[in-house]
Amino acid sequence: MGNRALIEALQTYLAKRAPDKRQHIFGQIVFTAPDVDRDYFMDSIDAVRGAAERVTLYASGNDYALRSSQYLHGAPRAGTAGDTIIRLPGLDTIDMSAVPADALGHSYFAANSGAIYDMFRILWRGDPPPQRCGMSNRKGSDSLTVWWFNADACKGNDMLEAGVMLKRFGDLARTRVVANLSTLTDPSQIKEWSLILKRLDGLLAPAGATPAGTAK
């Protein structure tokens, strides 16, 4: 429900700025599992999406908290996937239905390392979906794209650790990982850090290259 506060805060903030000063004020705006009326969200997003370089919506078809809210309000919620998933120009909608979560299915974006990594990647580098792990696109009859997140391709903490290493140490990150690998003797640790090195190489690959674990 914090998405409601975010939408209203953005609307209030933008209304106080001149029309020619409302573009790309923010780097990223991310809506996670919004318990917001679907139609209200679609009307609101039109004014909001130009205020950021990228606007992302995480939705799931297994969010039982939102299903209950939909029953209570008698209207689809913006964070629900399936037939009512939102497709809009200028909005990256990510279908996270494959991500396991708690019994209510409402905390998938914070309870899965792959989902956390995807959000980390957005906020850190602002990468579009094709450059992030496990993304495949699904176009609707209106030719607008929804991105489906492959949880199996992106599970594990190695991606998150590789991203944190690169963010902290920049170009020296690979040297540090290789140096750490050379000191290890435990097979399980060697395997773990070898995976981190593989993910790091994917992050260091030239722009436009397919990252490790990406599903086309």
Protein backbone atom coordinates (compact mmCIF):
# COMPACT_ATOMS: atom_id res chain seq x y z
CA MET A 1 0.00 0.00 0.00
CA GLY A 2 3.04 2.25 0.16
CA ASN A 3 2.66 2.59 -3.60
CA ARG A 4 -0.42 4.74 -2.98
CA ALA A 5 1.66 7.18 -0.96
CA LEU A 6 4.37 7.16 -3.62
CA ILE A 7 1.92 7.96 -6.43
CA GLU A 8 0.28 10.77 -4.49
CA ALA A 9 3.64 12.21 -3.44
CA LEU A 10 4.89 12.19 -7.03
CA GLN A 11 1.68 13.78 -8.31
CA THR A 12 1.87 16.54 -5.68
CA TYR A 13 5.56 17.17 -6.35
CA LEU A 14 5.17 17.29 -10.13
CA ALA A 15 2.13 19.57 -9.94
CA LYS A 16 4.29 22.19 -8.25
CA ARG A 17 6.79 22.23 -11.11
CA ALA A 18 6.41 23.94 -14.47
CA PRO A 19 5.48 21.50 -17.29
CA ASP A 20 8.88 21.97 -18.93
CA LYS A 21 10.66 20.99 -15.69
CA ARG A 22 8.97 17.65 -15.06
CA GLN A 23 11.11 15.43 -17.28
CA HIS A 24 13.72 12.98 -15.96
CA ILE A 25 13.86 14.45 -12.47
CA PHE A 26 14.49 10.99 -11.05
CA GLY A 27 16.71 8.15 -12.18
CA GLN A 28 14.36 5.29 -11.31
CA ILE A 29 10.81 4.90 -10.05
CA VAL A 30 9.89 1.36 -8.98
CA PHE A 31 6.42 0.14 -8.01
CA THR A 32 6.53 -3.20 -6.18
CA ALA A 33 3.34 -5.27 -5.84
CA PRO A 34 1.10 -2.17 -5.70
CA ASP A 35 -2.21 -2.61 -3.90
CA VAL A 36 -3.67 0.17 -6.01
CA ASP A 37 -6.75 0.17 -8.24
CA ARG A 38 -5.60 -0.86 -11.72
CA ASP A 39 -7.44 1.90 -13.59
CA TYR A 40 -6.29 4.54 -11.11
CA PHE A 41 -2.70 3.37 -11.51
CA MET A 42 -2.90 3.51 -15.31
CA ASP A 43 -4.34 7.02 -15.22
CA SER A 44 -1.72 8.18 -12.73
CA ILE A 45 1.28 6.64 -14.44
CA ASP A 46 0.79 8.74 -17.56
CA ALA A 47 1.95 11.86 -15.72
CA VAL A 48 4.57 10.10 -13.61
CA ARG A 49 6.52 8.05 -16.13
CA GLY A 50 8.14 11.05 -17.85
CA ALA A 51 9.59 12.16 -14.53
CA ALA A 52 12.11 9.30 -14.46
CA GLU A 53 14.61 7.74 -16.82
CA ARG A 54 12.88 4.41 -16.20
CA VAL A 55 9.65 3.37 -14.49
CA THR A 56 9.25 -0.26 -13.41
CA LEU A 57 6.25 -2.22 -12.18
CA TYR A 58 6.64 -5.59 -10.44
CA ALA A 59 3.53 -7.77 -10.62
CA SER A 60 2.68 -11.37 -9.76
CA GLY A 61 -0.12 -13.79 -10.43
CA ASN A 62 0.57 -15.54 -7.12
CA ASP A 63 0.09 -12.56 -4.84
CA TYR A 64 -2.74 -13.79 -2.63
CA ALA A 65 -2.78 -10.59 -0.58
CA LEU A 66 -3.68 -8.67 -3.74
CA ARG A 67 -6.28 -11.27 -4.68
CA SER A 68 -7.95 -10.67 -1.33
CA SER A 69 -7.74 -6.92 -1.86
CA GLN A 70 -9.28 -7.30 -5.32
CA TYR A 71 -12.19 -9.22 -3.79
CA LEU A 72 -12.61 -6.59 -1.09
CA HIS A 73 -12.52 -3.62 -3.48
CA GLY A 74 -14.27 -5.32 -6.38
CA ALA A 75 -11.58 -4.16 -8.82
CA PRO A 76 -8.26 -5.53 -10.16
CA ARG A 77 -5.07 -4.36 -8.45
CA ALA A 78 -2.12 -2.85 -10.30
CA GLY A 79 0.29 -5.43 -8.89
CA THR A 80 -1.63 -8.43 -10.22
CA ALA A 81 -0.35 -10.38 -13.23
CA GLY A 82 -2.37 -12.66 -15.48
CA ASP A 83 -5.09 -11.38 -17.79
CA THR A 84 -5.18 -7.97 -16.11
CA ILE A 85 -1.42 -7.32 -16.11
CA ILE A 86 -0.69 -3.72 -17.04
CA ARG A 87 0.90 -2.96 -20.40
CA LEU A 88 1.75 0.68 -21.06
CA PRO A 89 4.26 2.55 -23.23
CA GLY A 90 7.15 3.85 -21.16
CA LEU A 91 6.53 1.35 -18.35
CA ASP A 92 8.63 -1.78 -17.77
CA THR A 93 6.17 -4.32 -16.40
CA ILE A 94 7.92 -7.34 -14.91
CA ASP A 95 5.86 -10.50 -14.34
CA MET A 96 7.43 -12.05 -11.23
CA SER A 97 4.92 -14.90 -10.90
CA ALA A 98 7.72 -17.49 -11.02
CA VAL A 99 9.39 -16.09 -7.90
CA PRO A 100 8.65 -18.05 -4.70
CA ALA A 101 7.67 -16.05 -1.64
CA ASP A 102 5.81 -16.39 1.66
CA ALA A 103 2.34 -17.89 2.11
CA LEU A 104 0.68 -14.68 0.94
CA GLY A 105 2.99 -14.35 -2.07
CA HIS A 106 3.23 -10.62 -1.42
CA SER A 107 6.90 -10.30 -0.47
CA TYR A 108 8.45 -11.92 -3.56
CA PHE A 109 10.47 -8.81 -4.44
CA ALA A 110 12.26 -8.91 -1.06
CA ALA A 111 12.34 -12.63 -0.26
CA ASN A 112 14.23 -13.94 -3.29
CA SER A 113 17.88 -13.22 -4.10
CA GLY A 114 17.20 -13.06 -7.84
CA ALA A 115 14.42 -10.53 -7.38
CA ILE A 116 16.58 -8.47 -5.01
CA TYR A 117 19.40 -8.55 -7.55
CA ASP A 118 17.08 -7.34 -10.31
CA MET A 119 15.99 -4.37 -8.23
CA PHE A 120 19.61 -3.74 -7.24
CA ARG A 121 20.54 -3.71 -10.92
CA ILE A 122 17.78 -1.21 -11.75
CA LEU A 123 18.64 1.21 -8.97
CA TRP A 124 22.39 0.90 -9.44
CA ARG A 125 22.78 0.90 -13.22
CA GLY A 126 19.35 1.63 -14.64
CA ASP A 127 19.67 -1.26 -17.08
CA PRO A 128 16.67 -2.06 -19.32
CA PRO A 129 15.11 -5.53 -18.97
CA PRO A 130 16.97 -7.13 -21.93
CA GLN A 131 20.28 -6.46 -20.17
CA ARG A 132 19.20 -8.04 -16.89
CA CYS A 133 19.25 -11.66 -15.81
CA GLY A 134 16.41 -14.03 -16.67
CA MET A 135 14.23 -11.68 -18.72
CA SER A 136 12.16 -12.78 -21.70
CA ASN A 137 9.54 -10.66 -23.39
CA ARG A 138 5.93 -11.43 -24.08
CA LYS A 139 4.04 -9.15 -26.42
CA GLY A 140 0.30 -8.80 -26.17
CA SER A 141 -2.20 -8.25 -28.96
CA ASP A 142 -1.51 -4.52 -28.61
CA SER A 143 2.23 -5.13 -29.30
CA LEU A 144 3.13 -3.81 -25.86
CA THR A 145 5.68 -5.88 -23.96
CA VAL A 146 5.55 -7.51 -20.55
CA TRP A 147 8.80 -8.98 -19.27
CA TRP A 148 8.72 -12.39 -17.64
CA PHE A 149 11.31 -13.10 -14.94
CA ASN A 150 12.82 -16.60 -14.94
CA ALA A 151 13.48 -17.27 -11.26
CA ASP A 152 15.37 -20.51 -11.95
CA ALA A 153 17.92 -18.73 -14.14
CA CYS A 154 18.60 -16.09 -11.52
CA LYS A 155 18.49 -17.88 -8.20
CA GLY A 156 21.42 -17.88 -5.78
CA ASN A 157 23.41 -15.24 -3.95
CA ASP A 158 26.31 -15.26 -6.40
CA MET A 159 24.74 -12.63 -8.66
CA LEU A 160 24.01 -10.31 -5.78
CA GLU A 161 27.52 -10.73 -4.38
CA ALA A 162 29.04 -10.04 -7.82
CA GLY A 163 26.99 -6.88 -8.16
CA VAL A 164 27.95 -5.65 -4.70
CA MET A 165 31.63 -6.36 -5.45
CA LEU A 166 31.51 -4.40 -8.69
CA LYS A 167 29.67 -1.51 -7.09
CA ARG A 168 32.22 -1.33 -4.24
CA PHE A 169 35.46 -1.92 -6.12
CA GLY A 170 34.73 -1.01 -9.74
CA ASP A 171 37.43 -2.20 -12.16
CA LEU A 172 39.35 -3.81 -9.28
CA ALA A 173 36.48 -6.15 -8.41
CA ARG A 174 37.63 -8.95 -10.71
CA THR A 175 41.21 -8.76 -9.41
CA ARG A 176 39.92 -9.08 -5.85
CA VAL A 177 37.74 -12.08 -6.65
CA VAL A 178 40.56 -13.85 -8.50
CA ALA A 179 42.94 -13.14 -5.60
CA ASN A 180 40.43 -14.51 -3.14
CA LEU A 181 39.94 -17.64 -5.25
CA SER A 182 43.68 -18.32 -5.26
CA THR A 183 43.73 -18.57 -1.46
CA LEU A 184 40.80 -20.98 -1.10
CA THR A 185 41.13 -24.71 -0.51
CA ASP A 186 37.59 -25.67 0.45
CA PRO A 187 35.83 -27.07 -2.67
CA SER A 188 32.48 -25.56 -1.73
CA GLN A 189 34.01 -22.10 -1.33
CA ILE A 190 35.92 -22.47 -4.59
CA LYS A 191 32.66 -23.35 -6.35
CA GLU A 192 30.87 -20.40 -4.75
CA TRP A 193 33.50 -17.84 -5.71
CA SER A 194 33.89 -19.33 -9.18
CA LEU A 195 30.20 -18.65 -9.71
CA ILE A 196 30.66 -15.10 -8.41
CA LEU A 197 33.54 -14.63 -10.89
CA LYS A 198 31.33 -15.89 -13.73
CA ARG A 199 28.57 -13.47 -12.79
CA LEU A 200 31.09 -10.65 -12.45
CA ASP A 201 32.41 -11.33 -15.96
CA GLY A 202 28.83 -11.06 -17.18
CA LEU A 203 28.49 -7.66 -15.54
CA LEU A 204 31.78 -6.53 -17.05
CA ALA A 205 30.81 -7.68 -20.54
CA PRO A 206 30.45 -4.95 -23.20
CA ALA A 207 27.11 -3.18 -23.40
CA GLY A 208 24.61 -5.14 -25.45
CA ALA A 209 26.17 -8.53 -24.63
CA THR A 210 23.80 -11.14 -23.21
CA PRO A 211 24.34 -11.42 -19.43
CA ALA A 212 24.87 -14.81 -17.84
CA GLY A 213 21.61 -16.52 -17.03
CA THR A 214 19.53 -14.45 -19.40
CA ALA A 215 16.64 -16.21 -21.13
CA LYS A 216 15.90 -14.94 -24.60
